[in-house]
Structure formats: structure tokens, C-alpha cells
Amino acid sequence: MKILLTTTSYQDTPGPHHALLNNSGHTIVRARGPLEEPAMLDLITQNQGFDGLLNGDDRITAKVIDAALATPTKLRVIAKYGIGLDSIDVIYATAKRIPVLFTPGVNHTTVAEHTFGLMIALAKHFWPHLRSTKKGEWKRITGNELFGKTIAVLGVGRIGKEVIKRAAAFDMLPVGYDLHWDDHFAKQYNVTRANTVEDAIKNADVVSLHMTLTDQTRGLFNKNLLAKMKKGAMLINTARGPLVDESAVAEACESKHLLGYATDVLEKEPQPANHPFIEIDNIIVTPHVGSRTFESVERQAMRATLNLLNYLKGDNDYIQANSF
């Protein structure tokens, strides 16, 4: 069978997942994602289709799925390397009876650690400090402690819970918002439940985003919602770039309404040359590496590969995101 592998962290990080895939007996075609729809269509046409896709954040649209089903080698399965499915038209794949596999529970610890790395970097002004000392200067800006601060965690799933656990070690006061509430966890970590996003953020010193991207959450942090945040608060995003209106965030940071914004994700990755964040010192951007550690890549890659290979050979040991 023929498999298209596009995720770069899988390809760039050593580990046993390479041997597992290479020794599968299948033909592996490699490309460097994330790929937009035209690039995916070109690959499908040039290779006369694929039995399986082992993908990251590539755009797998209805048009891509139709093209992959119209080739001599018809698409049988989509195996996402990761948990975020917003780049895949899961509804259309389901309608076409194409299983979408994913890898929950493999990267929550490393994303939570990255969240706190961004939080500390923003609170202590790491970016302007590092930039000045690398230039041989010695410019000091007074920072902020996290101790005793209120943190609003929007999305209290696997990653959100790990962030709250770490916040407890900093003696932070957690507020949570999620449509699905875990009472046992909330009681264990003294998490105050907010009924709305507005309630969660209004008194928060730190707001950390761990929500899925949907039609309802796209652009959620717009000018109006940002204005409801506490003056001097920090906004952290290790979820999805389009959860925020980037122009509105840039304005809120430049005006100092927000202490700053730290993100691992952008609406368009990599950022265009004229991106508004580039020249703003109290905005920190890392290049979507929150889940990219040697440990988590191996876990994620092994699970994604096993999902794909097991499905193709008829073994039921795989994790499916959709059902029919």
C-alpha cells in the first residue's frame, strides 16, 4: 500500500517510529507540511493516490478527500499525528466513510510545560532582556511574579488540567471554563468554575487558552472580549492561532491594556513578513513547538503510526475520532 507522510516533527525527530513505518512493507511518500489544499491535490495526482495519509496540520478538505477517492489508489484512512482536527473536514470524511484516527493523551504534559515557559517568559520580559544582552546591552525591566495570581484556564481537558496542576505549584488561583466539567478534578485542585468565558477572564491575571477551534470559538478573543480582560493581564495561547483576532491582540499589547501575549500558534504558519506581532516586544511567538520534544514526538509518532498500520492490516488497535 501507499502512504503519504507530511508531518515534519515526525520526520525530523529520531526514534523507533521510523523503523516501524519503514519496515511496514508499504511505499512511503514524504513531503514537508503543513500543506495547503493545492499542494495536497498535486501530491495526490502525481502519485495516483494514497491508501493512507499520515498528516499533521495539512488542509484535508472535501476537495482533497474527493480527489483521493477518485484515484486508482483510493484513500482508506486519515491518521492525524496529533489531536487537533480543525484542519481536516471530519464531517465530510465521515460522510464518505473514511476513518479519521488521532492520538489523544500523548502530548498534554509537554504542552503544559510550554505554556508555563511562555508564561514565565512573558511575566519576566525574557524577549527584550535576551535581545538587549545579546547586543551587549544591559537594559533591565521590572517583571511580575506568578505567585498568588489568578489564572483562567479556558478548556479544562487533558492539557488544561496539566496547566492547573502546575499552577498549583506556583500557588496560583485557578478559574476554569469548560462545557464538560470534571467535579472531582475541580475539587482536588480548588478550581472555581466560571459559567461563561467573560466570567472566567474578568479578574484573571493570566488567561491560558486550551480550547478547540470551532465556528463558535474562531476569533473569540476579539477587540470586545480583550477589552473585558483585566488591565495588565497576560494572554497565553498554546491551542490554535485563530482563537484570537491577531490585529486586536496586537493593538491591546501596544496600548499596554495587556501586559503581553505569548503564543505557540498563529492563524497563518509560518507568519508573513508583515505580521503585526513582529515589532511588538510584549508579544512572544514560538514556532508551533509546544508539543515538540523528543519524548512527546516519539509517543505521538508511535501512536499515529500504530493507528495507521493497524487499521490497514485489520487490527482493531487504533483510536478513531469519528464514527459511522
Protein backbone atom coordinates (compact mmCIF):
# COMPACT_ATOMS: atom_id res chain seq x y z
CA MET A 1 0.00 0.00 0.00
CA LYS A 2 0.98 3.64 -0.39
CA ILE A 3 1.21 6.15 2.48
CA LEU A 4 1.76 9.92 2.37
CA LEU A 5 3.77 11.23 5.34
CA THR A 6 3.76 15.04 5.71
CA THR A 7 4.35 15.91 9.35
CA THR A 8 7.79 17.47 9.83
CA SER A 9 8.38 16.84 13.54
CA TYR A 10 7.78 13.13 12.89
CA GLN A 11 10.35 13.19 10.09
CA ASP A 12 12.91 15.37 11.87
CA THR A 13 12.98 13.62 15.25
CA PRO A 14 14.80 10.29 15.66
CA GLY A 15 13.03 7.40 17.30
CA PRO A 16 11.57 3.92 16.81
CA HIS A 17 8.64 5.27 14.78
CA HIS A 18 10.91 5.49 11.73
CA ALA A 19 11.76 1.78 11.82
CA LEU A 20 8.13 0.88 12.47
CA LEU A 21 6.96 2.76 9.38
CA ASN A 22 9.92 1.89 7.15
CA ASN A 23 9.62 -1.83 7.93
CA SER A 24 5.86 -1.92 7.33
CA GLY A 25 6.28 -3.09 3.74
CA HIS A 26 4.30 -0.12 2.43
CA THR A 27 5.53 2.53 -0.01
CA ILE A 28 6.17 5.78 1.89
CA VAL A 29 5.98 9.10 0.06
CA ARG A 30 7.35 12.02 2.10
CA ALA A 31 6.52 15.72 1.85
CA ARG A 32 7.10 18.71 4.12
CA GLY A 33 3.92 20.03 5.68
CA PRO A 34 1.80 21.73 6.68
CA LEU A 35 0.43 21.76 3.14
CA GLU A 36 -2.44 23.80 1.79
CA GLU A 37 -5.16 22.31 -0.40
CA PRO A 38 -3.43 22.88 -3.79
CA ALA A 39 -0.24 21.12 -2.64
CA MET A 40 -2.24 18.18 -1.29
CA LEU A 41 -4.12 17.89 -4.58
CA ASP A 42 -0.86 17.95 -6.55
CA LEU A 43 0.64 15.17 -4.44
CA ILE A 44 -2.45 13.01 -4.81
CA THR A 45 -2.50 13.49 -8.58
CA GLN A 46 1.25 12.97 -9.07
CA ASN A 47 1.23 9.73 -7.05
CA GLN A 48 -2.11 8.41 -8.33
CA GLY A 49 -3.48 8.44 -4.82
CA PHE A 50 -2.70 7.01 -1.40
CA ASP A 51 -4.20 4.30 0.78
CA GLY A 52 -3.41 6.31 3.90
CA LEU A 53 -2.44 9.80 4.98
CA LEU A 54 -0.17 10.30 7.99
CA ASN A 55 -0.61 14.02 8.39
CA GLY A 56 -0.03 16.96 10.69
CA ASP A 57 -1.82 20.26 10.08
CA ASP A 58 -2.25 19.85 6.34
CA ARG A 59 -5.54 21.05 4.80
CA ILE A 60 -7.56 17.91 4.16
CA THR A 61 -10.68 19.43 2.68
CA ALA A 62 -13.69 17.88 0.97
CA LYS A 63 -11.96 18.56 -2.37
CA VAL A 64 -8.82 16.73 -1.20
CA ILE A 65 -10.87 13.77 0.04
CA ASP A 66 -12.80 13.58 -3.24
CA ALA A 67 -9.56 13.67 -5.23
CA ALA A 68 -8.05 10.93 -3.04
CA LEU A 69 -11.12 8.76 -3.61
CA ALA A 70 -11.09 9.30 -7.39
CA THR A 71 -7.56 7.97 -7.98
CA PRO A 72 -6.55 4.37 -8.83
CA THR A 73 -5.32 4.01 -5.25
CA LYS A 74 -8.39 5.04 -3.26
CA LEU A 75 -7.99 6.64 0.15
CA ARG A 76 -8.84 4.29 3.02
CA VAL A 77 -7.79 6.15 6.17
CA ILE A 78 -6.57 9.51 7.54
CA ALA A 79 -4.21 9.22 10.51
CA LYS A 80 -3.64 12.54 12.27
CA TYR A 81 -0.33 13.00 14.05
CA GLY A 82 -1.80 14.95 16.97
CA ILE A 83 -5.20 15.69 18.43
CA GLY A 84 -6.40 18.90 16.75
CA LEU A 85 -8.73 18.05 13.87
CA ASP A 86 -9.64 21.54 12.66
CA SER A 87 -7.51 21.18 9.51
CA ILE A 88 -9.47 18.07 8.47
CA ASP A 89 -13.05 18.10 7.17
CA VAL A 90 -14.07 15.36 9.58
CA ILE A 91 -17.77 15.71 8.73
CA TYR A 92 -17.10 15.11 5.04
CA ALA A 93 -14.68 12.25 5.76
CA THR A 94 -17.37 10.65 7.90
CA ALA A 95 -19.94 11.06 5.14
CA LYS A 96 -17.53 9.28 2.80
CA ARG A 97 -16.90 6.61 5.46
CA ILE A 98 -13.21 7.49 5.78
CA PRO A 99 -12.00 6.92 9.35
CA VAL A 100 -10.07 9.78 10.96
CA LEU A 101 -7.61 8.49 13.54
CA PHE A 102 -5.84 10.65 16.13
CA THR A 103 -3.53 10.49 19.17
CA PRO A 104 -5.12 11.80 22.39
CA GLY A 105 -3.15 11.65 25.62
CA VAL A 106 0.37 11.81 24.17
CA ASN A 107 1.40 15.47 24.40
CA HIS A 108 -0.51 17.06 27.27
CA THR A 109 2.46 17.25 29.64
CA THR A 110 4.84 18.89 27.19
CA VAL A 111 2.24 21.44 26.01
CA ALA A 112 1.52 22.32 29.65
CA GLU A 113 5.25 22.80 30.27
CA HIS A 114 5.49 25.01 27.19
CA THR A 115 2.54 27.03 28.44
CA PHE A 116 4.37 27.79 31.65
CA GLY A 117 7.57 28.54 29.78
CA LEU A 118 5.72 31.18 27.78
CA MET A 119 4.01 32.48 30.91
CA ILE A 120 7.28 32.95 32.79
CA ALA A 121 8.99 34.44 29.73
CA LEU A 122 6.22 37.00 29.36
CA ALA A 123 5.97 37.85 33.06
CA LYS A 124 9.76 38.37 33.34
CA HIS A 125 10.21 40.09 29.95
CA PHE A 126 12.59 37.46 28.59
CA TRP A 127 12.38 38.63 24.98
CA PRO A 128 13.52 42.26 25.42
CA HIS A 129 16.05 41.18 28.06
CA LEU A 130 17.56 38.48 25.84
CA ARG A 131 17.59 40.74 22.83
CA SER A 132 19.39 43.53 24.68
CA THR A 133 22.02 41.34 26.36
CA LYS A 134 22.79 39.58 23.07
CA LYS A 135 23.54 43.04 21.67
CA GLY A 136 25.94 43.72 24.56
CA GLU A 137 23.47 45.98 26.39
CA TRP A 138 22.24 45.80 29.97
CA LYS A 139 18.62 47.01 29.98
CA ARG A 140 16.54 45.88 32.95
CA ILE A 141 12.74 45.81 33.07
CA THR A 142 10.90 45.02 36.30
CA GLY A 143 8.94 41.78 35.97
CA ASN A 144 5.99 40.14 37.67
CA GLU A 145 5.58 37.11 39.91
CA LEU A 146 3.08 34.36 39.16
CA PHE A 147 2.71 33.60 42.88
CA GLY A 148 -0.80 34.34 44.11
CA LYS A 149 -2.08 35.38 40.69
CA THR A 150 -5.42 34.25 39.29
CA ILE A 151 -5.17 32.07 36.19
CA ALA A 152 -8.18 31.44 33.97
CA VAL A 153 -7.86 28.18 32.05
CA LEU A 154 -10.26 28.06 29.11
CA GLY A 155 -10.65 24.43 28.18
CA VAL A 156 -10.11 22.07 31.10
CA GLY A 157 -9.29 18.93 29.16
CA ARG A 158 -6.07 16.93 29.33
CA ILE A 159 -3.79 19.91 28.67
CA GLY A 160 -5.82 22.39 30.72
CA LYS A 161 -5.71 20.06 33.70
CA GLU A 162 -1.93 19.72 33.45
CA VAL A 163 -1.64 23.51 33.38
CA ILE A 164 -3.79 23.76 36.51
CA LYS A 165 -1.63 21.16 38.28
CA ARG A 166 1.45 23.24 37.55
CA ALA A 167 -0.32 26.44 38.55
CA ALA A 168 -0.91 24.86 41.96
CA ALA A 169 2.86 24.55 42.40
CA PHE A 170 3.09 28.33 41.83
CA ASP A 171 0.33 28.97 44.39
CA MET A 172 -1.81 30.45 41.66
CA LEU A 173 -5.60 30.65 41.99
CA PRO A 174 -7.27 28.67 39.17
CA VAL A 175 -10.54 29.51 37.46
CA GLY A 176 -11.78 27.12 34.79
CA TYR A 177 -14.22 27.25 31.93
CA ASP A 178 -15.33 24.19 30.01
CA LEU A 179 -18.64 22.84 28.74
CA HIS A 180 -17.71 19.44 30.19
CA TRP A 181 -16.83 19.80 33.86
CA ASP A 182 -14.85 17.33 35.97
CA ASP A 183 -16.10 17.92 39.52
CA HIS A 184 -13.59 15.55 41.08
CA PHE A 185 -10.61 17.28 39.48
CA ALA A 186 -12.00 20.74 40.29
CA LYS A 187 -12.39 19.86 43.96
CA GLN A 188 -8.95 18.28 44.12
CA TYR A 189 -7.25 21.42 42.73
CA ASN A 190 -9.65 24.05 44.10
CA VAL A 191 -10.72 25.21 40.65
CA THR A 192 -13.50 27.78 40.62
CA ARG A 193 -15.95 27.09 37.80
CA ALA A 194 -16.91 30.00 35.56
CA ASN A 195 -20.21 29.79 33.71
CA THR A 196 -19.03 31.93 30.80
CA VAL A 197 -15.76 32.97 29.19
CA GLU A 198 -16.42 36.54 30.30
CA ASP A 199 -16.80 35.44 33.93
CA ALA A 200 -13.58 33.44 33.71
CA ILE A 201 -11.41 36.25 32.36
CA LYS A 202 -12.74 39.35 34.11
CA ASN A 203 -10.49 39.11 37.20
CA ALA A 204 -7.75 36.89 35.78
CA ASP A 205 -4.11 37.96 35.77
CA VAL A 206 -3.34 35.19 33.29
CA VAL A 207 -5.67 33.71 30.68
CA SER A 208 -4.49 30.45 29.12
CA LEU A 209 -6.23 29.07 26.02
CA HIS A 210 -6.75 25.32 25.62
CA MET A 211 -9.98 25.29 23.64
CA THR A 212 -10.68 23.51 20.37
CA LEU A 213 -11.16 25.61 17.26
CA THR A 214 -14.77 25.64 16.10
CA ASP A 215 -17.06 28.07 14.31
CA GLN A 216 -18.06 29.32 17.77
CA THR A 217 -14.52 29.84 19.09
CA ARG A 218 -12.88 31.21 15.93
CA GLY A 219 -11.87 34.81 16.61
CA LEU A 220 -13.29 34.56 20.14
CA PHE A 221 -10.69 36.92 21.58
CA ASN A 222 -11.64 39.92 19.52
CA LYS A 223 -11.48 43.61 20.41
CA ASN A 224 -14.62 43.44 22.56
CA LEU A 225 -13.57 40.42 24.60
CA LEU A 226 -9.99 41.65 25.04
CA ALA A 227 -11.39 44.90 26.46
CA LYS A 228 -13.11 42.84 29.18
CA MET A 229 -9.81 41.40 30.35
CA LYS A 230 -8.18 42.91 33.41
CA LYS A 231 -5.72 45.70 32.58
CA GLY A 232 -2.20 44.29 32.77
CA ALA A 233 -3.30 40.68 32.27
CA MET A 234 -1.37 38.17 30.18
CA LEU A 235 -2.87 36.05 27.40
CA ILE A 236 -1.25 32.69 26.60
CA ASN A 237 -2.18 30.56 23.59
CA THR A 238 -0.88 27.04 23.04
CA ALA A 239 -4.09 25.85 21.39
CA ARG A 240 -4.93 27.32 17.98
CA GLY A 241 -3.96 30.65 16.40
CA PRO A 242 -7.40 31.56 15.03
CA LEU A 243 -8.89 31.60 18.54
CA VAL A 244 -7.71 35.21 18.65
CA ASP A 245 -8.09 38.21 16.37
CA GLU A 246 -4.38 38.90 15.87
CA SER A 247 -4.83 42.55 14.92
CA ALA A 248 -6.89 43.17 18.05
CA VAL A 249 -4.31 41.38 20.21
CA ALA A 250 -1.51 43.49 18.69
CA GLU A 251 -3.47 46.65 19.49
CA ALA A 252 -4.17 45.54 23.08
CA CYS A 253 -0.46 44.82 23.63
CA GLU A 254 0.76 48.05 22.05
CA SER A 255 -1.67 50.08 24.15
CA LYS A 256 -0.47 48.19 27.26
CA HIS A 257 -4.02 47.11 28.07
CA LEU A 258 -2.46 43.65 28.14
CA LEU A 259 0.89 43.04 29.80
CA GLY A 260 1.51 40.85 26.78
CA TYR A 261 0.58 37.92 24.59
CA ALA A 262 2.61 34.70 24.33
CA THR A 263 1.68 32.17 21.69
CA ASP A 264 2.93 28.99 20.09
CA VAL A 265 0.36 29.19 17.29
CA LEU A 266 -0.62 31.68 14.61
CA GLU A 267 -3.52 32.00 12.21
CA LYS A 268 -1.11 31.50 9.31
CA GLU A 269 2.08 29.49 9.87
CA PRO A 270 4.79 30.48 9.26
CA GLN A 271 3.94 34.14 9.74
CA PRO A 272 4.05 36.51 6.75
CA ALA A 273 6.82 39.11 6.64
CA ASN A 274 4.45 41.92 7.58
CA HIS A 275 2.86 40.18 10.55
CA PRO A 276 1.80 42.71 13.22
CA PHE A 277 3.44 40.74 16.06
CA ILE A 278 6.99 41.05 14.73
CA GLU A 279 7.81 44.52 16.05
CA ILE A 280 5.97 44.33 19.39
CA ASP A 281 8.24 43.49 22.32
CA ASN A 282 5.50 42.30 24.68
CA ILE A 283 4.38 39.63 22.22
CA ILE A 284 6.32 36.36 22.25
CA VAL A 285 5.89 33.81 19.45
CA THR A 286 7.36 30.31 19.30
CA PRO A 287 7.06 28.34 16.03
CA HIS A 288 4.40 25.76 16.98
CA VAL A 289 6.80 23.63 19.01
CA GLY A 290 4.75 23.26 22.20
CA SER A 291 4.34 19.51 21.67
CA ARG A 292 7.72 19.03 20.01
CA THR A 293 10.02 17.31 22.46
CA PHE A 294 11.96 14.13 21.87
CA GLU A 295 9.74 12.36 24.38
CA SER A 296 6.38 13.56 23.10
CA VAL A 297 7.24 13.21 19.40
CA GLU A 298 8.13 9.59 19.98
CA ARG A 299 4.87 8.93 21.86
CA GLN A 300 2.80 10.78 19.29
CA ALA A 301 4.56 9.32 16.27
CA MET A 302 4.35 5.76 17.57
CA ARG A 303 0.64 6.11 18.31
CA ALA A 304 -0.10 7.70 14.92
CA THR A 305 1.92 5.04 13.09
CA LEU A 306 0.30 2.19 15.00
CA ASN A 307 -3.12 3.71 14.35
CA LEU A 308 -2.45 3.77 10.61
CA LEU A 309 -0.71 0.42 10.23
CA ASN A 310 -3.13 -1.43 12.48
CA TYR A 311 -6.11 -0.07 10.60
CA LEU A 312 -4.62 -1.03 7.23
CA LYS A 313 -3.98 -4.60 8.35
CA GLY A 314 -7.37 -5.02 10.01
CA ASP A 315 -6.16 -4.85 13.63
CA ASN A 316 -8.60 -3.02 15.93
CA ASP A 317 -5.85 -1.34 17.99
CA TYR A 318 -6.35 2.24 16.77
CA ILE A 319 -8.03 5.39 18.10
CA GLN A 320 -10.75 6.80 15.86
CA ALA A 321 -12.09 10.35 16.17
CA ASN A 322 -15.18 9.89 14.01
CA SER A 323 -17.77 7.16 13.75
CA PHE A 324 -20.27 5.95 11.19
